[in-house]
Amino acid sequence: MKYIKMATSFNFGEVVSVIIASAFLPFLPETPIQLLVEGLLYDFGQMTIPYDNVDKEALKKPKRLNIQSLKRFMLFMGPVSSIFDLIVFASLWFVFVVRDVAHFQTIWFTYSIVSNLIGMHIIRTHKIPFIQSNASKAVYLSSISLIIIGIIVPFTSLGNAIGLVPIDAKYILLIFVVTLLYCIVASFAKKIYIKKYKEWI
């Protein structure tokens, strides 16, 4: 359920972001091959979820697959991540005035990987991550490794082959600042969701 809820909410949010951005930008915010590689990278990170630590409260009774709960979670948390995708788009277009297609796509490619892999730790537990609930070593290791890979890929021949280019440190800083803001807002959204629906993962 953790994996399914994470995947559907992140993917739904990204689809909404791409649709909105495509309506305003004179180019695609990301190419299909870039989306596939990006999705593959953070899916690898989410594949360690079966080895994750589970909060004791979640083990008190069996969990059932609830389609209504899945839909509700996706429609609630998906737009939260989408808002911050759009903040990145707006920052690049209006603040940094990035008009080069490859640079724009590379920054969003890297942001998507970083935000999803760090955001995964917010979603994996109903508690405060890193303080009240820690992920397993496998989840931490995969998250850190894949974030590093996501940042490095644009500087490699593989990145060049899919249309990515090296980006300046200021954009990497932007990526982490917006990701931090996303995590803060997602944590508040989580509290609202739990209070309203009496459930989480």
N, C-alpha and C. Protein backbone atom coordinates (compact mmCIF):
# COMPACT_ATOMS: atom_id res chain seq x y z
N MET A 1 0.82 -1.21 0.00
CA MET A 1 0.00 0.00 0.00
C MET A 1 0.86 1.26 0.00
N LYS A 2 1.98 1.21 0.73
CA LYS A 2 2.89 2.37 0.71
C LYS A 2 3.33 2.65 -0.72
N TYR A 3 3.81 1.62 -1.38
CA TYR A 3 4.34 1.79 -2.74
C TYR A 3 3.24 2.29 -3.68
N ILE A 4 2.07 1.67 -3.62
CA ILE A 4 0.98 2.02 -4.53
C ILE A 4 0.53 3.47 -4.30
N LYS A 5 0.38 3.85 -3.02
CA LYS A 5 -0.08 5.21 -2.72
C LYS A 5 0.97 6.25 -3.12
N MET A 6 2.24 5.94 -2.87
CA MET A 6 3.30 6.86 -3.29
C MET A 6 3.32 7.02 -4.81
N ALA A 7 3.32 5.89 -5.50
CA ALA A 7 3.44 5.91 -6.96
C ALA A 7 2.27 6.66 -7.60
N THR A 8 1.05 6.35 -7.15
CA THR A 8 -0.12 6.99 -7.77
C THR A 8 -0.17 8.49 -7.46
N SER A 9 0.16 8.88 -6.22
CA SER A 9 0.08 10.31 -5.89
C SER A 9 1.16 11.11 -6.60
N PHE A 10 2.40 10.60 -6.61
CA PHE A 10 3.48 11.31 -7.31
C PHE A 10 3.21 11.38 -8.81
N ASN A 11 2.79 10.25 -9.39
CA ASN A 11 2.55 10.23 -10.84
C ASN A 11 1.37 11.10 -11.24
N PHE A 12 0.31 11.09 -10.42
CA PHE A 12 -0.84 11.95 -10.70
C PHE A 12 -0.43 13.42 -10.64
N GLY A 13 0.33 13.78 -9.61
CA GLY A 13 0.81 15.15 -9.48
C GLY A 13 1.66 15.57 -10.66
N GLU A 14 2.52 14.65 -11.12
CA GLU A 14 3.40 14.98 -12.23
C GLU A 14 2.63 15.15 -13.53
N VAL A 15 1.61 14.32 -13.74
CA VAL A 15 0.78 14.43 -14.94
C VAL A 15 0.08 15.79 -14.96
N VAL A 16 -0.48 16.18 -13.81
CA VAL A 16 -1.15 17.48 -13.71
C VAL A 16 -0.16 18.61 -14.02
N SER A 17 1.05 18.50 -13.48
CA SER A 17 2.08 19.53 -13.70
C SER A 17 2.45 19.64 -15.18
N VAL A 18 2.65 18.50 -15.82
CA VAL A 18 3.03 18.49 -17.23
C VAL A 18 1.94 19.10 -18.10
N ILE A 19 0.69 18.76 -17.81
CA ILE A 19 -0.43 19.29 -18.59
C ILE A 19 -0.50 20.81 -18.45
N ILE A 20 -0.42 21.30 -17.21
CA ILE A 20 -0.50 22.75 -16.98
C ILE A 20 0.69 23.47 -17.61
N ALA A 21 1.90 22.94 -17.37
CA ALA A 21 3.10 23.59 -17.91
C ALA A 21 3.09 23.59 -19.44
N SER A 22 2.64 22.49 -20.03
CA SER A 22 2.63 22.38 -21.49
C SER A 22 1.68 23.40 -22.12
N ALA A 23 0.66 23.80 -21.37
CA ALA A 23 -0.29 24.77 -21.89
C ALA A 23 0.30 26.19 -21.94
N PHE A 24 1.33 26.44 -21.13
CA PHE A 24 1.90 27.79 -21.04
C PHE A 24 3.30 27.91 -21.64
N LEU A 25 4.06 26.82 -21.60
CA LEU A 25 5.43 26.89 -22.12
C LEU A 25 5.45 26.66 -23.63
N PRO A 26 6.40 27.23 -24.34
CA PRO A 26 6.50 27.03 -25.79
C PRO A 26 7.21 25.71 -26.14
N PHE A 27 7.46 24.88 -25.15
CA PHE A 27 8.11 23.58 -25.37
C PHE A 27 7.65 22.62 -24.27
N LEU A 28 7.93 21.34 -24.46
CA LEU A 28 7.57 20.36 -23.45
C LEU A 28 8.49 20.52 -22.23
N PRO A 29 7.94 20.50 -21.02
CA PRO A 29 8.79 20.63 -19.83
C PRO A 29 9.72 19.43 -19.65
N GLU A 30 9.37 18.32 -20.27
CA GLU A 30 10.23 17.14 -20.25
C GLU A 30 9.84 16.25 -21.42
N THR A 31 10.83 15.62 -22.04
CA THR A 31 10.54 14.74 -23.16
C THR A 31 10.09 13.37 -22.64
N PRO A 32 9.42 12.57 -23.48
CA PRO A 32 8.98 11.24 -23.05
C PRO A 32 10.12 10.37 -22.53
N ILE A 33 11.28 10.39 -23.20
CA ILE A 33 12.40 9.55 -22.74
C ILE A 33 12.93 10.04 -21.40
N GLN A 34 12.94 11.34 -21.19
CA GLN A 34 13.38 11.89 -19.90
C GLN A 34 12.42 11.48 -18.78
N LEU A 35 11.12 11.52 -19.07
CA LEU A 35 10.12 11.09 -18.09
C LEU A 35 10.29 9.62 -17.73
N LEU A 36 10.59 8.81 -18.74
CA LEU A 36 10.77 7.37 -18.50
C LEU A 36 12.00 7.09 -17.64
N VAL A 37 13.10 7.76 -17.95
CA VAL A 37 14.33 7.57 -17.16
C VAL A 37 14.13 8.07 -15.74
N GLU A 38 13.52 9.23 -15.61
CA GLU A 38 13.24 9.80 -14.29
C GLU A 38 12.36 8.85 -13.48
N GLY A 39 11.28 8.37 -14.10
CA GLY A 39 10.37 7.44 -13.42
C GLY A 39 11.07 6.16 -13.02
N LEU A 40 11.96 5.68 -13.89
CA LEU A 40 12.70 4.46 -13.59
C LEU A 40 13.59 4.65 -12.37
N LEU A 41 14.24 5.80 -12.27
CA LEU A 41 15.14 6.06 -11.15
C LEU A 41 14.40 6.11 -9.82
N TYR A 42 13.30 6.88 -9.74
CA TYR A 42 12.66 6.91 -8.43
C TYR A 42 11.79 5.69 -8.16
N ASP A 43 11.45 4.93 -9.20
CA ASP A 43 10.80 3.64 -8.96
C ASP A 43 11.76 2.66 -8.31
N PHE A 44 13.04 2.73 -8.70
CA PHE A 44 14.05 1.90 -8.05
C PHE A 44 14.12 2.22 -6.56
N GLY A 45 14.00 3.52 -6.24
CA GLY A 45 14.01 3.93 -4.84
C GLY A 45 12.81 3.39 -4.08
N GLN A 46 11.64 3.44 -4.72
CA GLN A 46 10.42 2.96 -4.08
C GLN A 46 10.37 1.44 -3.98
N MET A 47 11.17 0.75 -4.79
CA MET A 47 11.18 -0.70 -4.74
C MET A 47 11.79 -1.25 -3.46
N THR A 48 12.46 -0.40 -2.69
CA THR A 48 13.01 -0.85 -1.40
C THR A 48 11.97 -0.77 -0.28
N ILE A 49 10.79 -0.24 -0.58
CA ILE A 49 9.74 -0.10 0.44
C ILE A 49 9.38 -1.44 1.11
N PRO A 50 9.35 -2.58 0.39
CA PRO A 50 9.06 -3.84 1.08
C PRO A 50 10.06 -4.18 2.19
N TYR A 51 11.23 -3.57 2.15
CA TYR A 51 12.25 -3.82 3.18
C TYR A 51 12.26 -2.72 4.25
N ASP A 52 11.26 -1.84 4.18
CA ASP A 52 11.22 -0.70 5.10
C ASP A 52 10.80 -1.13 6.50
N ASN A 53 11.19 -0.32 7.49
CA ASN A 53 10.67 -0.50 8.85
C ASN A 53 9.20 -0.10 8.85
N VAL A 54 8.41 -0.79 9.65
CA VAL A 54 6.98 -0.50 9.73
C VAL A 54 6.65 -0.03 11.14
N ASP A 55 5.91 1.07 11.24
CA ASP A 55 5.50 1.57 12.55
C ASP A 55 4.66 0.52 13.27
N LYS A 56 4.87 0.39 14.57
CA LYS A 56 4.18 -0.64 15.36
C LYS A 56 2.66 -0.54 15.25
N GLU A 57 2.17 0.72 15.18
CA GLU A 57 0.72 0.92 15.09
C GLU A 57 0.13 0.29 13.83
N ALA A 58 0.94 0.24 12.77
CA ALA A 58 0.46 -0.30 11.50
C ALA A 58 0.38 -1.82 11.50
N LEU A 59 0.95 -2.44 12.52
CA LEU A 59 0.96 -3.90 12.60
C LEU A 59 -0.12 -4.46 13.50
N LYS A 60 -0.93 -3.59 14.08
CA LYS A 60 -1.94 -4.05 15.03
C LYS A 60 -3.06 -4.84 14.36
N LYS A 61 -3.37 -4.49 13.11
CA LYS A 61 -4.41 -5.24 12.41
C LYS A 61 -4.08 -5.27 10.92
N PRO A 62 -4.55 -6.30 10.21
CA PRO A 62 -4.24 -6.43 8.77
C PRO A 62 -4.77 -5.25 7.97
N LYS A 63 -4.02 -4.90 6.93
CA LYS A 63 -4.44 -3.84 6.02
C LYS A 63 -5.10 -4.46 4.79
N ARG A 64 -6.19 -3.89 4.38
CA ARG A 64 -6.88 -4.35 3.18
C ARG A 64 -6.67 -3.35 2.04
N LEU A 65 -6.65 -3.86 0.82
CA LEU A 65 -6.56 -2.98 -0.35
C LEU A 65 -7.90 -2.27 -0.50
N ASN A 66 -7.88 -0.96 -0.36
CA ASN A 66 -9.10 -0.15 -0.41
C ASN A 66 -8.96 0.85 -1.55
N ILE A 67 -9.67 0.60 -2.63
CA ILE A 67 -9.57 1.45 -3.82
C ILE A 67 -10.03 2.88 -3.54
N GLN A 68 -11.06 3.02 -2.73
CA GLN A 68 -11.57 4.35 -2.39
C GLN A 68 -10.51 5.14 -1.63
N SER A 69 -9.82 4.47 -0.70
CA SER A 69 -8.75 5.11 0.07
C SER A 69 -7.60 5.51 -0.84
N LEU A 70 -7.27 4.65 -1.78
CA LEU A 70 -6.19 4.92 -2.74
C LEU A 70 -6.52 6.14 -3.59
N LYS A 71 -7.75 6.19 -4.09
CA LYS A 71 -8.19 7.31 -4.93
C LYS A 71 -8.17 8.61 -4.13
N ARG A 72 -8.67 8.55 -2.90
CA ARG A 72 -8.71 9.73 -2.04
C ARG A 72 -7.29 10.25 -1.76
N PHE A 73 -6.38 9.34 -1.47
CA PHE A 73 -5.00 9.71 -1.19
C PHE A 73 -4.35 10.35 -2.41
N MET A 74 -4.56 9.75 -3.57
CA MET A 74 -3.98 10.27 -4.81
C MET A 74 -4.48 11.68 -5.12
N LEU A 75 -5.79 11.89 -4.98
CA LEU A 75 -6.37 13.19 -5.31
C LEU A 75 -6.04 14.26 -4.26
N PHE A 76 -5.66 13.83 -3.05
CA PHE A 76 -5.31 14.78 -1.99
C PHE A 76 -3.84 15.15 -2.06
N MET A 77 -2.96 14.15 -2.11
CA MET A 77 -1.52 14.41 -2.05
C MET A 77 -0.91 14.73 -3.41
N GLY A 78 -1.50 14.23 -4.49
CA GLY A 78 -0.97 14.50 -5.83
C GLY A 78 -0.87 15.98 -6.14
N PRO A 79 -1.95 16.74 -5.95
CA PRO A 79 -1.89 18.18 -6.22
C PRO A 79 -0.90 18.93 -5.33
N VAL A 80 -0.63 18.41 -4.12
CA VAL A 80 0.35 19.07 -3.25
C VAL A 80 1.72 19.08 -3.92
N SER A 81 2.13 17.92 -4.46
CA SER A 81 3.43 17.86 -5.15
C SER A 81 3.39 18.67 -6.44
N SER A 82 2.23 18.70 -7.09
CA SER A 82 2.08 19.44 -8.34
C SER A 82 2.29 20.94 -8.14
N ILE A 83 1.83 21.46 -7.02
CA ILE A 83 1.99 22.89 -6.72
C ILE A 83 3.48 23.26 -6.74
N PHE A 84 4.31 22.40 -6.17
CA PHE A 84 5.73 22.72 -6.09
C PHE A 84 6.45 22.48 -7.42
N ASP A 85 5.93 21.57 -8.24
CA ASP A 85 6.43 21.47 -9.62
C ASP A 85 6.22 22.80 -10.33
N LEU A 86 5.04 23.36 -10.15
CA LEU A 86 4.70 24.61 -10.83
C LEU A 86 5.51 25.79 -10.27
N ILE A 87 5.86 25.73 -8.99
CA ILE A 87 6.73 26.75 -8.40
C ILE A 87 8.10 26.71 -9.07
N VAL A 88 8.59 25.49 -9.32
CA VAL A 88 9.88 25.34 -10.02
C VAL A 88 9.76 25.91 -11.43
N PHE A 89 8.69 25.56 -12.14
CA PHE A 89 8.48 26.09 -13.50
C PHE A 89 8.48 27.61 -13.49
N ALA A 90 7.69 28.20 -12.59
CA ALA A 90 7.56 29.65 -12.53
C ALA A 90 8.89 30.31 -12.17
N SER A 91 9.63 29.70 -11.25
CA SER A 91 10.93 30.25 -10.86
C SER A 91 11.90 30.26 -12.03
N LEU A 92 11.92 29.16 -12.78
CA LEU A 92 12.83 29.06 -13.91
C LEU A 92 12.46 30.06 -15.01
N TRP A 93 11.17 30.22 -15.25
CA TRP A 93 10.71 31.06 -16.36
C TRP A 93 10.76 32.55 -16.03
N PHE A 94 10.28 32.91 -14.83
CA PHE A 94 10.14 34.32 -14.50
C PHE A 94 11.30 34.89 -13.67
N VAL A 95 11.90 34.08 -12.80
CA VAL A 95 12.97 34.57 -11.92
C VAL A 95 14.34 34.37 -12.56
N PHE A 96 14.63 33.15 -12.97
CA PHE A 96 15.94 32.85 -13.57
C PHE A 96 15.97 33.06 -15.08
N VAL A 97 14.78 33.28 -15.66
CA VAL A 97 14.63 33.54 -17.11
C VAL A 97 15.37 32.47 -17.93
N VAL A 98 15.09 31.22 -17.62
CA VAL A 98 15.68 30.11 -18.38
C VAL A 98 14.85 29.89 -19.63
N ARG A 99 15.46 30.12 -20.78
CA ARG A 99 14.76 29.95 -22.05
C ARG A 99 15.34 28.79 -22.87
N ASP A 100 16.50 28.30 -22.46
CA ASP A 100 17.09 27.16 -23.14
C ASP A 100 16.33 25.89 -22.76
N VAL A 101 15.82 25.19 -23.75
CA VAL A 101 14.97 24.01 -23.52
C VAL A 101 15.70 22.94 -22.72
N ALA A 102 16.93 22.62 -23.12
CA ALA A 102 17.67 21.55 -22.46
C ALA A 102 17.93 21.86 -20.99
N HIS A 103 18.27 23.11 -20.68
CA HIS A 103 18.51 23.49 -19.28
C HIS A 103 17.22 23.40 -18.46
N PHE A 104 16.13 23.88 -19.03
CA PHE A 104 14.83 23.85 -18.35
C PHE A 104 14.44 22.40 -18.04
N GLN A 105 14.54 21.55 -19.04
CA GLN A 105 14.16 20.15 -18.87
C GLN A 105 15.07 19.43 -17.87
N THR A 106 16.35 19.75 -17.89
CA THR A 106 17.30 19.11 -16.98
C THR A 106 17.00 19.47 -15.53
N ILE A 107 16.71 20.74 -15.29
CA ILE A 107 16.43 21.18 -13.92
C ILE A 107 15.18 20.49 -13.39
N TRP A 108 14.15 20.39 -14.23
CA TRP A 108 12.93 19.74 -13.74
C TRP A 108 13.14 18.24 -13.59
N PHE A 109 13.89 17.64 -14.47
CA PHE A 109 14.23 16.21 -14.37
C PHE A 109 14.88 15.93 -13.01
N THR A 110 15.89 16.74 -12.66
CA THR A 110 16.61 16.54 -11.40
C THR A 110 15.72 16.84 -10.21
N TYR A 111 14.94 17.92 -10.31
CA TYR A 111 14.02 18.26 -9.21
C TYR A 111 13.03 17.14 -8.95
N SER A 112 12.47 16.58 -9.99
CA SER A 112 11.47 15.53 -9.83
C SER A 112 12.03 14.33 -9.08
N ILE A 113 13.26 13.94 -9.43
CA ILE A 113 13.89 12.80 -8.75
C ILE A 113 14.15 13.12 -7.29
N VAL A 114 14.77 14.28 -7.03
CA VAL A 114 15.12 14.66 -5.66
C VAL A 114 13.87 14.80 -4.80
N SER A 115 12.86 15.51 -5.29
CA SER A 115 11.66 15.76 -4.48
C SER A 115 10.87 14.49 -4.21
N ASN A 116 10.80 13.60 -5.19
CA ASN A 116 10.06 12.35 -4.99
C ASN A 116 10.76 11.43 -4.00
N LEU A 117 12.09 11.35 -4.09
CA LEU A 117 12.82 10.45 -3.20
C LEU A 117 12.89 10.97 -1.77
N ILE A 118 12.97 12.28 -1.60
CA ILE A 118 12.93 12.84 -0.25
C ILE A 118 11.48 12.86 0.26
N GLY A 119 10.56 13.21 -0.62
CA GLY A 119 9.14 13.22 -0.25
C GLY A 119 8.63 11.85 0.16
N MET A 120 9.25 10.81 -0.38
CA MET A 120 8.89 9.43 -0.03
C MET A 120 8.99 9.21 1.49
N HIS A 121 9.94 9.88 2.12
CA HIS A 121 10.14 9.70 3.57
C HIS A 121 9.05 10.41 4.37
N ILE A 122 8.44 11.44 3.80
CA ILE A 122 7.30 12.10 4.45
C ILE A 122 6.08 11.18 4.39
N ILE A 123 5.90 10.53 3.25
CA ILE A 123 4.70 9.73 3.01
C ILE A 123 4.77 8.33 3.63
N ARG A 124 5.97 7.79 3.82
CA ARG A 124 6.10 6.40 4.28
C ARG A 124 5.58 6.16 5.70
N THR A 125 5.35 7.20 6.47
CA THR A 125 4.89 7.06 7.84
C THR A 125 3.92 8.17 8.22
N HIS A 126 3.02 7.86 9.16
CA HIS A 126 2.10 8.90 9.65
C HIS A 126 2.78 9.77 10.70
N LYS A 127 3.97 9.35 11.13
CA LYS A 127 4.72 10.09 12.14
C LYS A 127 5.65 11.12 11.49
N ILE A 128 6.44 11.80 12.33
CA ILE A 128 7.42 12.75 11.81
C ILE A 128 8.65 11.95 11.36
N PRO A 129 8.96 11.96 10.06
CA PRO A 129 10.10 11.17 9.57
C PRO A 129 11.42 11.68 10.12
N PHE A 130 12.38 10.78 10.22
CA PHE A 130 13.74 11.06 10.70
C PHE A 130 13.80 11.32 12.21
N ILE A 131 12.65 11.60 12.83
CA ILE A 131 12.63 11.90 14.27
C ILE A 131 11.83 10.82 15.01
N GLN A 132 10.55 10.68 14.66
CA GLN A 132 9.69 9.70 15.32
C GLN A 132 9.72 8.35 14.61
N SER A 133 10.07 8.35 13.35
CA SER A 133 10.07 7.11 12.57
C SER A 133 11.20 7.14 11.55
N ASN A 134 12.06 6.13 11.60
CA ASN A 134 13.17 6.04 10.67
C ASN A 134 12.95 4.93 9.66
N ALA A 135 13.32 5.20 8.43
CA ALA A 135 13.24 4.17 7.39
C ALA A 135 14.34 3.14 7.62
N SER A 136 14.24 2.03 6.90
CA SER A 136 15.28 1.00 6.99
C SER A 136 16.55 1.48 6.29
N LYS A 137 17.65 0.80 6.55
CA LYS A 137 18.91 1.15 5.91
C LYS A 137 18.80 1.04 4.39
N ALA A 138 18.04 0.05 3.91
CA ALA A 138 17.87 -0.14 2.46
C ALA A 138 17.19 1.05 1.82
N VAL A 139 16.17 1.58 2.48
CA VAL A 139 15.44 2.74 1.95
C VAL A 139 16.32 3.98 1.97
N TYR A 140 17.04 4.19 3.08
CA TYR A 140 17.95 5.34 3.16
C TYR A 140 19.04 5.25 2.09
N LEU A 141 19.62 4.08 1.97
CA LEU A 141 20.72 3.89 1.01
C LEU A 141 20.27 4.13 -0.42
N SER A 142 19.11 3.57 -0.77
CA SER A 142 18.62 3.74 -2.14
C SER A 142 18.24 5.20 -2.41
N SER A 143 17.64 5.86 -1.43
CA SER A 143 17.25 7.27 -1.61
C SER A 143 18.47 8.14 -1.86
N ILE A 144 19.47 8.00 -0.99
CA ILE A 144 20.68 8.82 -1.11
C ILE A 144 21.41 8.53 -2.42
N SER A 145 21.55 7.24 -2.74
CA SER A 145 22.26 6.84 -3.95
C SER A 145 21.59 7.37 -5.20
N LEU A 146 20.26 7.26 -5.26
CA LEU A 146 19.53 7.66 -6.46
C LEU A 146 19.42 9.18 -6.58
N ILE A 147 19.41 9.89 -5.46
CA ILE A 147 19.46 11.36 -5.52
C ILE A 147 20.79 11.80 -6.12
N ILE A 148 21.86 11.18 -5.67
CA ILE A 148 23.19 11.49 -6.23
C ILE A 148 23.24 11.17 -7.72
N ILE A 149 22.70 10.01 -8.09
CA ILE A 149 22.67 9.62 -9.51
C ILE A 149 21.85 10.63 -10.32
N GLY A 150 20.69 11.04 -9.76
CA GLY A 150 19.83 12.00 -10.46
C GLY A 150 20.51 13.33 -10.71
N ILE A 151 21.38 13.74 -9.78
CA ILE A 151 22.13 14.99 -9.95
C ILE A 151 23.27 14.81 -10.94
N ILE A 152 23.90 13.64 -10.94
CA ILE A 152 25.07 13.38 -11.78
C ILE A 152 24.72 13.07 -13.23
N VAL A 153 23.58 12.40 -13.46
CA VAL A 153 23.21 11.95 -14.82
C VAL A 153 23.34 13.04 -15.88
N PRO A 154 22.87 14.29 -15.63
CA PRO A 154 22.99 15.32 -16.67
C PRO A 154 24.44 15.64 -17.07
N PHE A 155 25.40 15.25 -16.24
CA PHE A 155 26.81 15.52 -16.53
C PHE A 155 27.48 14.35 -17.26
N THR A 156 26.69 13.32 -17.59
CA THR A 156 27.24 12.12 -18.23
C THR A 156 26.80 11.99 -19.68
N SER A 157 27.40 11.04 -20.37
CA SER A 157 27.03 10.78 -21.77
C SER A 157 25.61 10.25 -21.86
N LEU A 158 25.16 9.50 -20.83
CA LEU A 158 23.78 9.02 -20.81
C LEU A 158 22.82 10.20 -20.77
N GLY A 159 23.13 11.17 -19.90
CA GLY A 159 22.29 12.35 -19.82
C GLY A 159 22.25 13.10 -21.13
N ASN A 160 23.42 13.24 -21.75
CA ASN A 160 23.51 13.92 -23.05
C ASN A 160 22.69 13.20 -24.10
N ALA A 161 22.66 11.87 -24.03
CA ALA A 161 21.93 11.06 -25.02
C ALA A 161 20.42 11.27 -24.93
N ILE A 162 19.93 11.63 -23.74
CA ILE A 162 18.48 11.84 -23.60
C ILE A 162 18.13 13.33 -23.52
N GLY A 163 19.09 14.19 -23.89
CA GLY A 163 18.81 15.61 -24.01
C GLY A 163 19.04 16.43 -22.77
N LEU A 164 19.77 15.87 -21.78
CA LEU A 164 20.07 16.61 -20.56
C LEU A 164 21.43 17.29 -20.68
N VAL A 165 21.62 18.36 -19.92
CA VAL A 165 22.88 19.11 -19.95
C VAL A 165 23.31 19.43 -18.52
N PRO A 166 24.61 19.70 -18.29
CA PRO A 166 25.06 20.10 -16.96
C PRO A 166 24.37 21.40 -16.52
N ILE A 167 24.08 21.51 -15.22
CA ILE A 167 23.42 22.72 -14.72
C ILE A 167 24.27 23.36 -13.61
N ASP A 168 24.09 24.66 -13.42
CA ASP A 168 24.86 25.40 -12.42
C ASP A 168 24.42 25.04 -11.00
N ALA A 169 25.31 25.33 -10.05
CA ALA A 169 25.05 25.04 -8.63
C ALA A 169 23.81 25.77 -8.12
N LYS A 170 23.53 26.98 -8.66
CA LYS A 170 22.38 27.74 -8.17
C LYS A 170 21.07 27.01 -8.44
N TYR A 171 21.03 26.24 -9.53
CA TYR A 171 19.81 25.49 -9.84
C TYR A 171 19.69 24.26 -8.94
N ILE A 172 20.82 23.67 -8.59
CA ILE A 172 20.80 22.53 -7.66
C ILE A 172 20.35 23.03 -6.29
N LEU A 173 20.78 24.23 -5.90
CA LEU A 173 20.32 24.83 -4.65
C LEU A 173 18.81 25.07 -4.70
N LEU A 174 18.33 25.60 -5.82
CA LEU A 174 16.89 25.83 -6.00
C LEU A 174 16.12 24.52 -5.82
N ILE A 175 16.64 23.45 -6.40
CA ILE A 175 16.00 22.14 -6.32
C ILE A 175 15.82 21.71 -4.86
N PHE A 176 16.88 21.87 -4.06
CA PHE A 176 16.80 21.43 -2.67
C PHE A 176 15.96 22.37 -1.81
N VAL A 177 15.98 23.67 -2.11
CA VAL A 177 15.16 24.62 -1.35
C VAL A 177 13.68 24.34 -1.58
N VAL A 178 13.28 24.16 -2.84
CA VAL A 178 11.87 23.89 -3.14
C VAL A 178 11.46 22.53 -2.58
N THR A 179 12.37 21.55 -2.63
CA THR A 179 12.07 20.23 -2.06
C THR A 179 11.83 20.34 -0.56
N LEU A 180 12.64 21.15 0.12
CA LEU A 180 12.45 21.35 1.57
C LEU A 180 11.09 21.98 1.85
N LEU A 181 10.72 22.99 1.05
CA LEU A 181 9.42 23.63 1.22
C LEU A 181 8.29 22.64 0.97
N TYR A 182 8.47 21.79 -0.05
CA TYR A 182 7.47 20.76 -0.34
C TYR A 182 7.29 19.83 0.85
N CYS A 183 8.40 19.41 1.46
CA CYS A 183 8.34 18.49 2.60
C CYS A 183 7.60 19.12 3.79
N ILE A 184 7.83 20.40 4.01
CA ILE A 184 7.16 21.10 5.11
C ILE A 184 5.65 21.16 4.87
N VAL A 185 5.27 21.56 3.65
CA VAL A 185 3.84 21.66 3.32
C VAL A 185 3.20 20.27 3.30
N ALA A 186 3.91 19.28 2.76
CA ALA A 186 3.37 17.90 2.71
C ALA A 186 3.15 17.37 4.12
N SER A 187 4.00 17.75 5.06
CA SER A 187 3.84 17.30 6.45
C SER A 187 2.57 17.88 7.06
N PHE A 188 2.28 19.15 6.76
CA PHE A 188 1.04 19.76 7.24
C PHE A 188 -0.17 19.13 6.55
N ALA A 189 -0.02 18.86 5.25
CA ALA A 189 -1.11 18.23 4.50
C ALA A 189 -1.41 16.84 5.06
N LYS A 190 -0.35 16.14 5.47
CA LYS A 190 -0.51 14.81 6.06
C LYS A 190 -1.34 14.88 7.33
N LYS A 191 -1.05 15.88 8.18
CA LYS A 191 -1.81 16.04 9.42
C LYS A 191 -3.28 16.30 9.14
N ILE A 192 -3.54 17.14 8.14
CA ILE A 192 -4.93 17.46 7.77
C ILE A 192 -5.64 16.20 7.26
N TYR A 193 -4.93 15.45 6.42
CA TYR A 193 -5.51 14.23 5.85
C TYR A 193 -5.85 13.22 6.95
N ILE A 194 -4.91 13.00 7.86
CA ILE A 194 -5.12 12.03 8.95
C ILE A 194 -6.27 12.47 9.85
N LYS A 195 -6.34 13.77 10.16
CA LYS A 195 -7.41 14.28 11.00
C LYS A 195 -8.77 14.12 10.32
N LYS A 196 -8.80 14.32 9.02
CA LYS A 196 -10.07 14.27 8.29
C LYS A 196 -10.53 12.84 8.01
N TYR A 197 -9.59 11.97 7.59
CA TYR A 197 -9.97 10.63 7.16
C TYR A 197 -9.59 9.50 8.13
N LYS A 198 -8.90 9.86 9.21
CA LYS A 198 -8.53 8.87 10.25
C LYS A 198 -7.71 7.72 9.69
N GLU A 199 -6.87 8.01 8.71
CA GLU A 199 -6.00 6.98 8.12
C GLU A 199 -4.82 7.67 7.45
N TRP A 200 -3.83 6.86 7.08
CA TRP A 200 -2.73 7.37 6.27
C TRP A 200 -2.35 6.27 5.29
N ILE A 201 -1.22 5.61 5.53
CA ILE A 201 -0.81 4.54 4.62
C ILE A 201 -1.44 3.23 5.07
